[in-house]
Amino acid sequence: MITPTIGRIVLYCLSKEDAEMINRRRTDGQSIVARILEGVWPVGAQAHIGNVVTEGDIFPAVVVRVWNTDLINIRVMLDGTDDYWATSRHVSEDAVPGCFHWMPYQKAQADKQA
């Protein structure tokens, strides 16, 4: 078994709820320009721009809090200008939506040390 530690990289598989939350807060350049021209873009507003994500997409994530060997909080590094904070995520053997898993080379290293 691999022990998660703060700063370690894991792989995270987005759940349907994760994808909906990420896509809901994102926009694109054309939409920003249109809102600026309409005078409805708030001064100093931060835009989250990135590719659309879907359930099952896998992204690297940094461990930011360890509750136990099976439960962690992570910052998911998305394909865009934002990231996603996923809290209380469980480990899985493979890609399971809403769970993190270890990269193949991490598993191989752990097997060598066992």
PDB file of N, CA and C in Angstrom:
ATOM      1  N   MET A   1       0.836  -1.186   0.000  1.00  0.00           N
ATOM      2  CA  MET A   1       0.000   0.000   0.000  1.00  0.00           C
ATOM      3  C   MET A   1       0.880   1.248   0.000  1.00  0.00           C
ATOM      4  N   ILE A   2       0.497   2.242  -0.773  1.00  0.00           N
ATOM      5  CA  ILE A   2       1.226   3.505  -0.842  1.00  0.00           C
ATOM      6  C   ILE A   2       0.582   4.478   0.141  1.00  0.00           C
ATOM      7  N   THR A   3       1.415   5.180   0.888  1.00  0.00           N
ATOM      8  CA  THR A   3       0.917   6.147   1.852  1.00  0.00           C
ATOM      9  C   THR A   3       0.902   7.535   1.224  1.00  0.00           C
ATOM     10  N   PRO A   4      -0.249   8.186   1.157  1.00  0.00           N
ATOM     11  CA  PRO A   4      -0.286   9.547   0.615  1.00  0.00           C
ATOM     12  C   PRO A   4       0.381  10.523   1.585  1.00  0.00           C
ATOM     13  N   THR A   5       1.130  11.473   1.028  1.00  0.00           N
ATOM     14  CA  THR A   5       1.765  12.512   1.822  1.00  0.00           C
ATOM     15  C   THR A   5       1.553  13.854   1.131  1.00  0.00           C
ATOM     16  N   ILE A   6       1.592  14.923   1.909  1.00  0.00           N
ATOM     17  CA  ILE A   6       1.383  16.266   1.365  1.00  0.00           C
ATOM     18  C   ILE A   6       2.424  16.560   0.290  1.00  0.00           C
ATOM     19  N   GLY A   7       1.970  17.088  -0.839  1.00  0.00           N
ATOM     20  CA  GLY A   7       2.853  17.436  -1.952  1.00  0.00           C
ATOM     21  C   GLY A   7       2.989  16.356  -3.006  1.00  0.00           C
ATOM     22  N   ARG A   8       2.546  15.167  -2.709  1.00  0.00           N
ATOM     23  CA  ARG A   8       2.646  14.059  -3.658  1.00  0.00           C
ATOM     24  C   ARG A   8       1.627  14.228  -4.786  1.00  0.00           C
ATOM     25  N   ILE A   9       1.981  13.765  -5.963  1.00  0.00           N
ATOM     26  CA  ILE A   9       1.090  13.818  -7.121  1.00  0.00           C
ATOM     27  C   ILE A   9       0.341  12.493  -7.230  1.00  0.00           C
ATOM     28  N   VAL A  10      -0.975  12.596  -7.441  1.00  0.00           N
ATOM     29  CA  VAL A  10      -1.824  11.431  -7.695  1.00  0.00           C
ATOM     30  C   VAL A  10      -2.629  11.729  -8.959  1.00  0.00           C
ATOM     31  N   LEU A  11      -3.375  10.757  -9.425  1.00  0.00           N
ATOM     32  CA  LEU A  11      -4.283  10.971 -10.554  1.00  0.00           C
ATOM     33  C   LEU A  11      -5.704  11.004 -10.004  1.00  0.00           C
ATOM     34  N   TYR A  12      -6.518  11.930 -10.518  1.00  0.00           N
ATOM     35  CA  TYR A  12      -7.891  12.062 -10.052  1.00  0.00           C
ATOM     36  C   TYR A  12      -8.847  11.919 -11.217  1.00  0.00           C
ATOM     37  N   CYS A  13      -9.880  11.127 -11.037  1.00  0.00           N
ATOM     38  CA  CYS A  13     -10.904  10.883 -12.051  1.00  0.00           C
ATOM     39  C   CYS A  13     -12.147  11.700 -11.683  1.00  0.00           C
ATOM     40  N   LEU A  14     -12.506  12.649 -12.540  1.00  0.00           N
ATOM     41  CA  LEU A  14     -13.635  13.528 -12.260  1.00  0.00           C
ATOM     42  C   LEU A  14     -14.958  12.777 -12.192  1.00  0.00           C
ATOM     43  N   SER A  15     -15.772  13.145 -11.220  1.00  0.00           N
ATOM     44  CA  SER A  15     -17.137  12.635 -11.140  1.00  0.00           C
ATOM     45  C   SER A  15     -18.036  13.536 -11.984  1.00  0.00           C
ATOM     46  N   LYS A  16     -19.269  13.129 -12.178  1.00  0.00           N
ATOM     47  CA  LYS A  16     -20.239  13.942 -12.908  1.00  0.00           C
ATOM     48  C   LYS A  16     -20.434  15.279 -12.202  1.00  0.00           C
ATOM     49  N   GLU A  17     -20.530  15.258 -10.876  1.00  0.00           N
ATOM     50  CA  GLU A  17     -20.732  16.484 -10.100  1.00  0.00           C
ATOM     51  C   GLU A  17     -19.522  17.408 -10.209  1.00  0.00           C
ATOM     52  N   ASP A  18     -18.310  16.841 -10.176  1.00  0.00           N
ATOM     53  CA  ASP A  18     -17.091  17.648 -10.342  1.00  0.00           C
ATOM     54  C   ASP A  18     -17.128  18.375 -11.681  1.00  0.00           C
ATOM     55  N   ALA A  19     -17.406  17.635 -12.754  1.00  0.00           N
ATOM     56  CA  ALA A  19     -17.415  18.201 -14.103  1.00  0.00           C
ATOM     57  C   ALA A  19     -18.452  19.317 -14.220  1.00  0.00           C
ATOM     58  N   GLU A  20     -19.632  19.094 -13.668  1.00  0.00           N
ATOM     59  CA  GLU A  20     -20.675  20.127 -13.723  1.00  0.00           C
ATOM     60  C   GLU A  20     -20.234  21.395 -13.000  1.00  0.00           C
ATOM     61  N   MET A  21     -19.620  21.248 -11.828  1.00  0.00           N
ATOM     62  CA  MET A  21     -19.174  22.390 -11.051  1.00  0.00           C
ATOM     63  C   MET A  21     -18.074  23.163 -11.780  1.00  0.00           C
ATOM     64  N   ILE A  22     -17.126  22.451 -12.359  1.00  0.00           N
ATOM     65  CA  ILE A  22     -16.018  23.087 -13.080  1.00  0.00           C
ATOM     66  C   ILE A  22     -16.540  23.812 -14.313  1.00  0.00           C
ATOM     67  N   ASN A  23     -17.355  23.158 -15.116  1.00  0.00           N
ATOM     68  CA  ASN A  23     -17.871  23.768 -16.346  1.00  0.00           C
ATOM     69  C   ASN A  23     -18.767  24.975 -16.052  1.00  0.00           C
ATOM     70  N   ARG A  24     -19.506  24.928 -14.950  1.00  0.00           N
ATOM     71  CA  ARG A  24     -20.427  26.008 -14.598  1.00  0.00           C
ATOM     72  C   ARG A  24     -19.684  27.314 -14.302  1.00  0.00           C
ATOM     73  N   ARG A  25     -18.491  27.218 -13.732  1.00  0.00           N
ATOM     74  CA  ARG A  25     -17.770  28.438 -13.363  1.00  0.00           C
ATOM     75  C   ARG A  25     -16.836  28.943 -14.466  1.00  0.00           C
ATOM     76  N   ARG A  26     -16.720  28.207 -15.559  1.00  0.00           N
ATOM     77  CA  ARG A  26     -15.823  28.605 -16.647  1.00  0.00           C
ATOM     78  C   ARG A  26     -16.538  29.458 -17.687  1.00  0.00           C
ATOM     79  N   THR A  27     -15.746  30.243 -18.409  1.00  0.00           N
ATOM     80  CA  THR A  27     -16.256  31.078 -19.493  1.00  0.00           C
ATOM     81  C   THR A  27     -15.232  31.042 -20.623  1.00  0.00           C
ATOM     82  N   ASP A  28     -15.446  31.841 -21.658  1.00  0.00           N
ATOM     83  CA  ASP A  28     -14.470  31.933 -22.748  1.00  0.00           C
ATOM     84  C   ASP A  28     -14.250  33.399 -23.120  1.00  0.00           C
ATOM     85  N   GLY A  29     -13.242  33.638 -23.926  1.00  0.00           N
ATOM     86  CA  GLY A  29     -12.867  35.001 -24.303  1.00  0.00           C
ATOM     87  C   GLY A  29     -13.975  35.771 -24.988  1.00  0.00           C
ATOM     88  N   GLN A  30     -14.706  35.129 -25.883  1.00  0.00           N
ATOM     89  CA  GLN A  30     -15.788  35.815 -26.596  1.00  0.00           C
ATOM     90  C   GLN A  30     -16.881  36.272 -25.633  1.00  0.00           C
ATOM     91  N   SER A  31     -17.201  35.441 -24.670  1.00  0.00           N
ATOM     92  CA  SER A  31     -18.223  35.790 -23.689  1.00  0.00           C
ATOM     93  C   SER A  31     -17.771  36.959 -22.815  1.00  0.00           C
ATOM     94  N   ILE A  32     -16.499  36.965 -22.455  1.00  0.00           N
ATOM     95  CA  ILE A  32     -15.975  38.067 -21.646  1.00  0.00           C
ATOM     96  C   ILE A  32     -16.061  39.375 -22.417  1.00  0.00           C
ATOM     97  N   VAL A  33     -15.620  39.364 -23.683  1.00  0.00           N
ATOM     98  CA  VAL A  33     -15.671  40.572 -24.511  1.00  0.00           C
ATOM     99  C   VAL A  33     -17.107  41.080 -24.635  1.00  0.00           C
ATOM    100  N   ALA A  34     -18.032  40.181 -24.877  1.00  0.00           N
ATOM    101  CA  ALA A  34     -19.432  40.582 -25.011  1.00  0.00           C
ATOM    102  C   ALA A  34     -19.940  41.237 -23.730  1.00  0.00           C
ATOM    103  N   ARG A  35     -19.600  40.673 -22.600  1.00  0.00           N
ATOM    104  CA  ARG A  35     -20.054  41.244 -21.321  1.00  0.00           C
ATOM    105  C   ARG A  35     -19.375  42.583 -21.018  1.00  0.00           C
ATOM    106  N   ILE A  36     -18.115  42.730 -21.424  1.00  0.00           N
ATOM    107  CA  ILE A  36     -17.436  44.018 -21.245  1.00  0.00           C
ATOM    108  C   ILE A  36     -18.132  45.085 -22.078  1.00  0.00           C
ATOM    109  N   LEU A  37     -18.442  44.737 -23.345  1.00  0.00           N
ATOM    110  CA  LEU A  37     -19.116  45.693 -24.232  1.00  0.00           C
ATOM    111  C   LEU A  37     -20.511  46.052 -23.719  1.00  0.00           C
ATOM    112  N   GLU A  38     -21.173  45.125 -23.061  1.00  0.00           N
ATOM    113  CA  GLU A  38     -22.501  45.383 -22.496  1.00  0.00           C
ATOM    114  C   GLU A  38     -22.419  46.124 -21.161  1.00  0.00           C
ATOM    115  N   GLY A  39     -21.205  46.235 -20.623  1.00  0.00           N
ATOM    116  CA  GLY A  39     -21.014  46.901 -19.346  1.00  0.00           C
ATOM    117  C   GLY A  39     -21.423  46.064 -18.149  1.00  0.00           C
ATOM    118  N   VAL A  40     -21.459  44.733 -18.311  1.00  0.00           N
ATOM    119  CA  VAL A  40     -21.884  43.876 -17.211  1.00  0.00           C
ATOM    120  C   VAL A  40     -20.753  43.010 -16.648  1.00  0.00           C
ATOM    121  N   TRP A  41     -19.527  43.206 -17.146  1.00  0.00           N
ATOM    122  CA  TRP A  41     -18.393  42.456 -16.591  1.00  0.00           C
ATOM    123  C   TRP A  41     -17.863  43.247 -15.398  1.00  0.00           C
ATOM    124  N   PRO A  42     -17.898  42.674 -14.200  1.00  0.00           N
ATOM    125  CA  PRO A  42     -17.458  43.406 -13.009  1.00  0.00           C
ATOM    126  C   PRO A  42     -15.967  43.745 -13.062  1.00  0.00           C
ATOM    127  N   VAL A  43     -15.634  44.957 -12.665  1.00  0.00           N
ATOM    128  CA  VAL A  43     -14.242  45.386 -12.633  1.00  0.00           C
ATOM    129  C   VAL A  43     -13.479  44.478 -11.676  1.00  0.00           C
ATOM    130  N   GLY A  44     -12.352  43.936 -12.147  1.00  0.00           N
ATOM    131  CA  GLY A  44     -11.518  43.077 -11.321  1.00  0.00           C
ATOM    132  C   GLY A  44     -11.959  41.626 -11.246  1.00  0.00           C
ATOM    133  N   ALA A  45     -13.015  41.274 -11.983  1.00  0.00           N
ATOM    134  CA  ALA A  45     -13.496  39.896 -11.945  1.00  0.00           C
ATOM    135  C   ALA A  45     -12.450  38.941 -12.521  1.00  0.00           C
ATOM    136  N   GLN A  46     -12.337  37.787 -11.925  1.00  0.00           N
ATOM    137  CA  GLN A  46     -11.410  36.765 -12.397  1.00  0.00           C
ATOM    138  C   GLN A  46     -12.157  35.786 -13.285  1.00  0.00           C
ATOM    139  N   ALA A  47     -11.601  35.511 -14.453  1.00  0.00           N
ATOM    140  CA  ALA A  47     -12.225  34.570 -15.381  1.00  0.00           C
ATOM    141  C   ALA A  47     -11.520  33.218 -15.299  1.00  0.00           C
ATOM    142  N   HIS A  48     -12.300  32.164 -15.290  1.00  0.00           N
ATOM    143  CA  HIS A  48     -11.772  30.807 -15.367  1.00  0.00           C
ATOM    144  C   HIS A  48     -12.005  30.329 -16.791  1.00  0.00           C
ATOM    145  N   ILE A  49     -10.915  30.106 -17.513  1.00  0.00           N
ATOM    146  CA  ILE A  49     -11.000  29.702 -18.914  1.00  0.00           C
ATOM    147  C   ILE A  49     -10.298  28.358 -19.069  1.00  0.00           C
ATOM    148  N   GLY A  50     -10.928  27.434 -19.770  1.00  0.00           N
ATOM    149  CA  GLY A  50     -10.319  26.137 -19.994  1.00  0.00           C
ATOM    150  C   GLY A  50     -11.215  25.264 -20.846  1.00  0.00           C
ATOM    151  N   ASN A  51     -10.679  24.128 -21.222  1.00  0.00           N
ATOM    152  CA  ASN A  51     -11.446  23.183 -22.030  1.00  0.00           C
ATOM    153  C   ASN A  51     -12.555  22.540 -21.205  1.00  0.00           C
ATOM    154  N   VAL A  52     -13.632  22.178 -21.871  1.00  0.00           N
ATOM    155  CA  VAL A  52     -14.753  21.503 -21.227  1.00  0.00           C
ATOM    156  C   VAL A  52     -14.265  20.179 -20.644  1.00  0.00           C
ATOM    157  N   VAL A  53     -14.758  19.854 -19.442  1.00  0.00           N
ATOM    158  CA  VAL A  53     -14.408  18.587 -18.807  1.00  0.00           C
ATOM    159  C   VAL A  53     -15.657  17.716 -18.702  1.00  0.00           C
ATOM    160  N   THR A  54     -15.444  16.415 -18.612  1.00  0.00           N
ATOM    161  CA  THR A  54     -16.558  15.468 -18.502  1.00  0.00           C
ATOM    162  C   THR A  54     -16.244  14.424 -17.441  1.00  0.00           C
ATOM    163  N   GLU A  55     -17.284  13.755 -16.990  1.00  0.00           N
ATOM    164  CA  GLU A  55     -17.109  12.663 -16.036  1.00  0.00           C
ATOM    165  C   GLU A  55     -16.134  11.647 -16.617  1.00  0.00           C
ATOM    166  N   GLY A  56     -15.206  11.203 -15.782  1.00  0.00           N
ATOM    167  CA  GLY A  56     -14.225  10.205 -16.214  1.00  0.00           C
ATOM    168  C   GLY A  56     -12.908  10.794 -16.686  1.00  0.00           C
ATOM    169  N   ASP A  57     -12.864  12.111 -16.943  1.00  0.00           N
ATOM    170  CA  ASP A  57     -11.593  12.738 -17.312  1.00  0.00           C
ATOM    171  C   ASP A  57     -10.618  12.585 -16.146  1.00  0.00           C
ATOM    172  N   ILE A  58      -9.355  12.348 -16.471  1.00  0.00           N
ATOM    173  CA  ILE A  58      -8.332  12.140 -15.448  1.00  0.00           C
ATOM    174  C   ILE A  58      -7.323  13.285 -15.518  1.00  0.00           C
ATOM    175  N   PHE A  59      -7.020  13.839 -14.342  1.00  0.00           N
ATOM    176  CA  PHE A  59      -6.068  14.944 -14.233  1.00  0.00           C
ATOM    177  C   PHE A  59      -5.104  14.681 -13.080  1.00  0.00           C
ATOM    178  N   PRO A  60      -3.885  15.245 -13.169  1.00  0.00           N
ATOM    179  CA  PRO A  60      -2.979  15.145 -12.025  1.00  0.00           C
ATOM    180  C   PRO A  60      -3.493  16.020 -10.892  1.00  0.00           C
ATOM    181  N   ALA A  61      -3.166  15.626  -9.680  1.00  0.00           N
ATOM    182  CA  ALA A  61      -3.600  16.386  -8.510  1.00  0.00           C
ATOM    183  C   ALA A  61      -2.512  16.342  -7.440  1.00  0.00           C
ATOM    184  N   VAL A  62      -2.399  17.421  -6.692  1.00  0.00           N
ATOM    185  CA  VAL A  62      -1.432  17.509  -5.602  1.00  0.00           C
ATOM    186  C   VAL A  62      -2.159  17.263  -4.281  1.00  0.00           C
ATOM    187  N   VAL A  63      -1.603  16.403  -3.470  1.00  0.00           N
ATOM    188  CA  VAL A  63      -2.177  16.134  -2.148  1.00  0.00           C
ATOM    189  C   VAL A  63      -1.929  17.351  -1.255  1.00  0.00           C
ATOM    190  N   VAL A  64      -3.009  17.912  -0.685  1.00  0.00           N
ATOM    191  CA  VAL A  64      -2.871  19.082   0.195  1.00  0.00           C
ATOM    192  C   VAL A  64      -3.245  18.778   1.644  1.00  0.00           C
ATOM    193  N   ARG A  65      -3.933  17.688   1.880  1.00  0.00           N
ATOM    194  CA  ARG A  65      -4.298  17.295   3.243  1.00  0.00           C
ATOM    195  C   ARG A  65      -4.500  15.791   3.260  1.00  0.00           C
ATOM    196  N   VAL A  66      -3.962  15.149   4.273  1.00  0.00           N
ATOM    197  CA  VAL A  66      -4.118  13.706   4.427  1.00  0.00           C
ATOM    198  C   VAL A  66      -4.927  13.447   5.691  1.00  0.00           C
ATOM    199  N   TRP A  67      -6.073  12.797   5.515  1.00  0.00           N
ATOM    200  CA  TRP A  67      -6.893  12.417   6.667  1.00  0.00           C
ATOM    201  C   TRP A  67      -6.479  11.040   7.166  1.00  0.00           C
ATOM    202  N   ASN A  68      -6.265  10.123   6.230  1.00  0.00           N
ATOM    203  CA  ASN A  68      -5.735   8.791   6.538  1.00  0.00           C
ATOM    204  C   ASN A  68      -5.249   8.199   5.217  1.00  0.00           C
ATOM    205  N   THR A  69      -4.814   6.952   5.194  1.00  0.00           N
ATOM    206  CA  THR A  69      -4.242   6.369   3.974  1.00  0.00           C
ATOM    207  C   THR A  69      -5.242   6.232   2.835  1.00  0.00           C
ATOM    208  N   ASP A  70      -6.525   6.355   3.145  1.00  0.00           N
ATOM    209  CA  ASP A  70      -7.576   6.185   2.141  1.00  0.00           C
ATOM    210  C   ASP A  70      -8.342   7.476   1.841  1.00  0.00           C
ATOM    211  N   LEU A  71      -8.079   8.556   2.568  1.00  0.00           N
ATOM    212  CA  LEU A  71      -8.904   9.758   2.450  1.00  0.00           C
ATOM    213  C   LEU A  71      -8.027  11.006   2.451  1.00  0.00           C
ATOM    214  N   ILE A  72      -8.107  11.785   1.342  1.00  0.00           N
ATOM    215  CA  ILE A  72      -7.257  12.968   1.202  1.00  0.00           C
ATOM    216  C   ILE A  72      -8.024  14.128   0.564  1.00  0.00           C
ATOM    217  N   ASN A  73      -7.483  15.328   0.708  1.00  0.00           N
ATOM    218  CA  ASN A  73      -7.923  16.502  -0.042  1.00  0.00           C
ATOM    219  C   ASN A  73      -6.859  16.790  -1.095  1.00  0.00           C
ATOM    220  N   ILE A  74      -7.293  17.195  -2.297  1.00  0.00           N
ATOM    221  CA  ILE A  74      -6.359  17.431  -3.392  1.00  0.00           C
ATOM    222  C   ILE A  74      -6.709  18.699  -4.158  1.00  0.00           C
ATOM    223  N   ARG A  75      -5.702  19.279  -4.834  1.00  0.00           N
ATOM    224  CA  ARG A  75      -5.890  20.368  -5.799  1.00  0.00           C
ATOM    225  C   ARG A  75      -5.682  19.745  -7.173  1.00  0.00           C
ATOM    226  N   VAL A  76      -6.744  19.672  -7.936  1.00  0.00           N
ATOM    227  CA  VAL A  76      -6.711  19.036  -9.250  1.00  0.00           C
ATOM    228  C   VAL A  76      -6.242  20.076 -10.273  1.00  0.00           C
ATOM    229  N   MET A  77      -5.202  19.734 -11.027  1.00  0.00           N
ATOM    230  CA  MET A  77      -4.639  20.628 -12.033  1.00  0.00           C
ATOM    231  C   MET A  77      -5.381  20.415 -13.353  1.00  0.00           C
ATOM    232  N   LEU A  78      -6.250  21.352 -13.685  1.00  0.00           N
ATOM    233  CA  LEU A  78      -7.103  21.241 -14.868  1.00  0.00           C
ATOM    234  C   LEU A  78      -6.411  21.788 -16.111  1.00  0.00           C
ATOM    235  N   ASP A  79      -6.980  21.510 -17.270  1.00  0.00           N
ATOM    236  CA  ASP A  79      -6.488  22.015 -18.547  1.00  0.00           C
ATOM    237  C   ASP A  79      -7.117  23.384 -18.774  1.00  0.00           C
ATOM    238  N   GLY A  80      -6.562  24.391 -18.099  1.00  0.00           N
ATOM    239  CA  GLY A  80      -7.083  25.748 -18.177  1.00  0.00           C
ATOM    240  C   GLY A  80      -6.389  26.636 -17.171  1.00  0.00           C
ATOM    241  N   THR A  81      -6.992  27.779 -16.887  1.00  0.00           N
ATOM    242  CA  THR A  81      -6.380  28.747 -15.987  1.00  0.00           C
ATOM    243  C   THR A  81      -6.751  28.515 -14.523  1.00  0.00           C
ATOM    244  N   ASP A  82      -7.524  27.504 -14.243  1.00  0.00           N
ATOM    245  CA  ASP A  82      -7.997  27.250 -12.895  1.00  0.00           C
ATOM    246  C   ASP A  82      -7.593  25.864 -12.420  1.00  0.00           C
ATOM    247  N   ASP A  83      -7.845  25.622 -11.148  1.00  0.00           N
ATOM    248  CA  ASP A  83      -7.702  24.282 -10.601  1.00  0.00           C
ATOM    249  C   ASP A  83      -8.971  23.976  -9.815  1.00  0.00           C
ATOM    250  N   TYR A  84      -9.023  22.789  -9.223  1.00  0.00           N
ATOM    251  CA  TYR A  84     -10.242  22.357  -8.539  1.00  0.00           C
ATOM    252  C   TYR A  84      -9.871  21.711  -7.215  1.00  0.00           C
ATOM    253  N   TRP A  85     -10.491  22.158  -6.151  1.00  0.00           N
ATOM    254  CA  TRP A  85     -10.252  21.600  -4.831  1.00  0.00           C
ATOM    255  C   TRP A  85     -11.241  20.470  -4.594  1.00  0.00           C
ATOM    256  N   ALA A  86     -10.728  19.272  -4.484  1.00  0.00           N
ATOM    257  CA  ALA A  86     -11.560  18.088  -4.242  1.00  0.00           C
ATOM    258  C   ALA A  86     -11.275  17.590  -2.831  1.00  0.00           C
ATOM    259  N   THR A  87     -12.300  17.586  -1.992  1.00  0.00           N
ATOM    260  CA  THR A  87     -12.105  17.237  -0.588  1.00  0.00           C
ATOM    261  C   THR A  87     -12.610  15.837  -0.272  1.00  0.00           C
ATOM    262  N   SER A  88     -11.934  15.236   0.688  1.00  0.00           N
ATOM    263  CA  SER A  88     -12.323  13.923   1.220  1.00  0.00           C
ATOM    264  C   SER A  88     -12.524  12.887   0.115  1.00  0.00           C
ATOM    265  N   ARG A  89     -11.481  12.669  -0.670  1.00  0.00           N
ATOM    266  CA  ARG A  89     -11.535  11.705  -1.777  1.00  0.00           C
ATOM    267  C   ARG A  89     -10.850  10.416  -1.378  1.00  0.00           C
ATOM    268  N   HIS A  90     -11.464   9.322  -1.756  1.00  0.00           N
ATOM    269  CA  HIS A  90     -10.955   7.989  -1.432  1.00  0.00           C
ATOM    270  C   HIS A  90     -10.056   7.466  -2.549  1.00  0.00           C
ATOM    271  N   VAL A  91      -9.186   6.556  -2.186  1.00  0.00           N
ATOM    272  CA  VAL A  91      -8.317   5.894  -3.152  1.00  0.00           C
ATOM    273  C   VAL A  91      -9.083   4.762  -3.835  1.00  0.00           C
ATOM    274  N   SER A  92      -8.735   4.506  -5.089  1.00  0.00           N
ATOM    275  CA  SER A  92      -9.265   3.352  -5.814  1.00  0.00           C
ATOM    276  C   SER A  92      -8.109   2.682  -6.536  1.00  0.00           C
ATOM    277  N   GLU A  93      -8.301   1.455  -6.927  1.00  0.00           N
ATOM    278  CA  GLU A  93      -7.243   0.720  -7.622  1.00  0.00           C
ATOM    279  C   GLU A  93      -7.024   1.270  -9.029  1.00  0.00           C
ATOM    280  N   ASP A  94      -8.099   1.651  -9.684  1.00  0.00           N
ATOM    281  CA  ASP A  94      -8.046   2.194 -11.038  1.00  0.00           C
ATOM    282  C   ASP A  94      -8.878   3.464 -11.097  1.00  0.00           C
ATOM    283  N   ALA A  95      -9.098   3.984 -12.305  1.00  0.00           N
ATOM    284  CA  ALA A  95      -9.859   5.220 -12.491  1.00  0.00           C
ATOM    285  C   ALA A  95     -11.340   4.997 -12.187  1.00  0.00           C
ATOM    286  N   VAL A  96     -11.781   5.544 -11.077  1.00  0.00           N
ATOM    287  CA  VAL A  96     -13.177   5.492 -10.664  1.00  0.00           C
ATOM    288  C   VAL A  96     -13.624   6.933 -10.431  1.00  0.00           C
ATOM    289  N   PRO A  97     -14.702   7.384 -11.085  1.00  0.00           N
ATOM    290  CA  PRO A  97     -15.125   8.777 -10.906  1.00  0.00           C
ATOM    291  C   PRO A  97     -15.275   9.155  -9.432  1.00  0.00           C
ATOM    292  N   GLY A  98     -14.658  10.307  -9.086  1.00  0.00           N
ATOM    293  CA  GLY A  98     -14.725  10.809  -7.724  1.00  0.00           C
ATOM    294  C   GLY A  98     -13.644  10.277  -6.799  1.00  0.00           C
ATOM    295  N   CYS A  99     -12.733   9.452  -7.335  1.00  0.00           N
ATOM    296  CA  CYS A  99     -11.662   8.864  -6.523  1.00  0.00           C
ATOM    297  C   CYS A  99     -10.294   9.182  -7.126  1.00  0.00           C
ATOM    298  N   PHE A 100      -9.267   9.105  -6.277  1.00  0.00           N
ATOM    299  CA  PHE A 100      -7.899   9.245  -6.777  1.00  0.00           C
ATOM    300  C   PHE A 100      -7.268   7.864  -6.890  1.00  0.00           C
ATOM    301  N   HIS A 101      -6.262   7.777  -7.738  1.00  0.00           N
ATOM    302  CA  HIS A 101      -5.508   6.530  -7.851  1.00  0.00           C
ATOM    303  C   HIS A 101      -4.043   6.853  -8.102  1.00  0.00           C
ATOM    304  N   TRP A 102      -3.220   5.858  -7.909  1.00  0.00           N
ATOM    305  CA  TRP A 102      -1.781   6.025  -8.065  1.00  0.00           C
ATOM    306  C   TRP A 102      -1.368   5.772  -9.508  1.00  0.00           C
ATOM    307  N   MET A 103      -0.294   6.452  -9.928  1.00  0.00           N
ATOM    308  CA  MET A 103       0.242   6.237 -11.275  1.00  0.00           C
ATOM    309  C   MET A 103       0.932   4.878 -11.332  1.00  0.00           C
ATOM    310  N   PRO A 104       0.981   4.284 -12.527  1.00  0.00           N
ATOM    311  CA  PRO A 104       1.601   2.960 -12.643  1.00  0.00           C
ATOM    312  C   PRO A 104       3.026   2.897 -12.083  1.00  0.00           C
ATOM    313  N   TYR A 105       3.839   3.929 -12.330  1.00  0.00           N
ATOM    314  CA  TYR A 105       5.218   3.863 -11.845  1.00  0.00           C
ATOM    315  C   TYR A 105       5.260   3.930 -10.311  1.00  0.00           C
ATOM    316  N   GLN A 106       4.295   4.636  -9.682  1.00  0.00           N
ATOM    317  CA  GLN A 106       4.248   4.679  -8.217  1.00  0.00           C
ATOM    318  C   GLN A 106       3.922   3.297  -7.664  1.00  0.00           C
ATOM    319  N   LYS A 107       2.982   2.620  -8.331  1.00  0.00           N
ATOM    320  CA  LYS A 107       2.632   1.250  -7.907  1.00  0.00           C
ATOM    321  C   LYS A 107       3.828   0.316  -8.069  1.00  0.00           C
ATOM    322  N   ALA A 108       4.558   0.464  -9.177  1.00  0.00           N
ATOM    323  CA  ALA A 108       5.731  -0.391  -9.423  1.00  0.00           C
ATOM    324  C   ALA A 108       6.810  -0.155  -8.371  1.00  0.00           C
ATOM    325  N   GLN A 109       7.039   1.100  -8.001  1.00  0.00           N
ATOM    326  CA  GLN A 109       8.029   1.409  -6.971  1.00  0.00           C
ATOM    327  C   GLN A 109       7.630   0.812  -5.626  1.00  0.00           C
ATOM    328  N   ALA A 110       6.334   0.925  -5.291  1.00  0.00           N
ATOM    329  CA  ALA A 110       5.837   0.369  -4.029  1.00  0.00           C
ATOM    330  C   ALA A 110       5.999  -1.150  -4.010  1.00  0.00           C
ATOM    331  N   ASP A 111       5.753  -1.802  -5.161  1.00  0.00           N
ATOM    332  CA  ASP A 111       5.897  -3.248  -5.243  1.00  0.00           C
ATOM    333  C   ASP A 111       7.364  -3.678  -5.026  1.00  0.00           C
ATOM    334  N   LYS A 112       8.298  -2.863  -5.526  1.00  0.00           N
ATOM    335  CA  LYS A 112       9.732  -3.172  -5.351  1.00  0.00           C
ATOM    336  C   LYS A 112      10.156  -3.103  -3.891  1.00  0.00           C
ATOM    337  N   GLN A 113       9.508  -2.203  -3.152  1.00  0.00           N
ATOM    338  CA  GLN A 113       9.896  -2.003  -1.753  1.00  0.00           C
ATOM    339  C   GLN A 113       9.160  -2.947  -0.809  1.00  0.00           C
ATOM    340  N   ALA A 114       8.166  -3.642  -1.336  1.00  0.00           N
ATOM    341  CA  ALA A 114       7.373  -4.542  -0.472  1.00  0.00           C
ATOM    342  C   ALA A 114       8.114  -5.821  -0.159  1.00  0.00           C
TER     343      ALA A 114
END
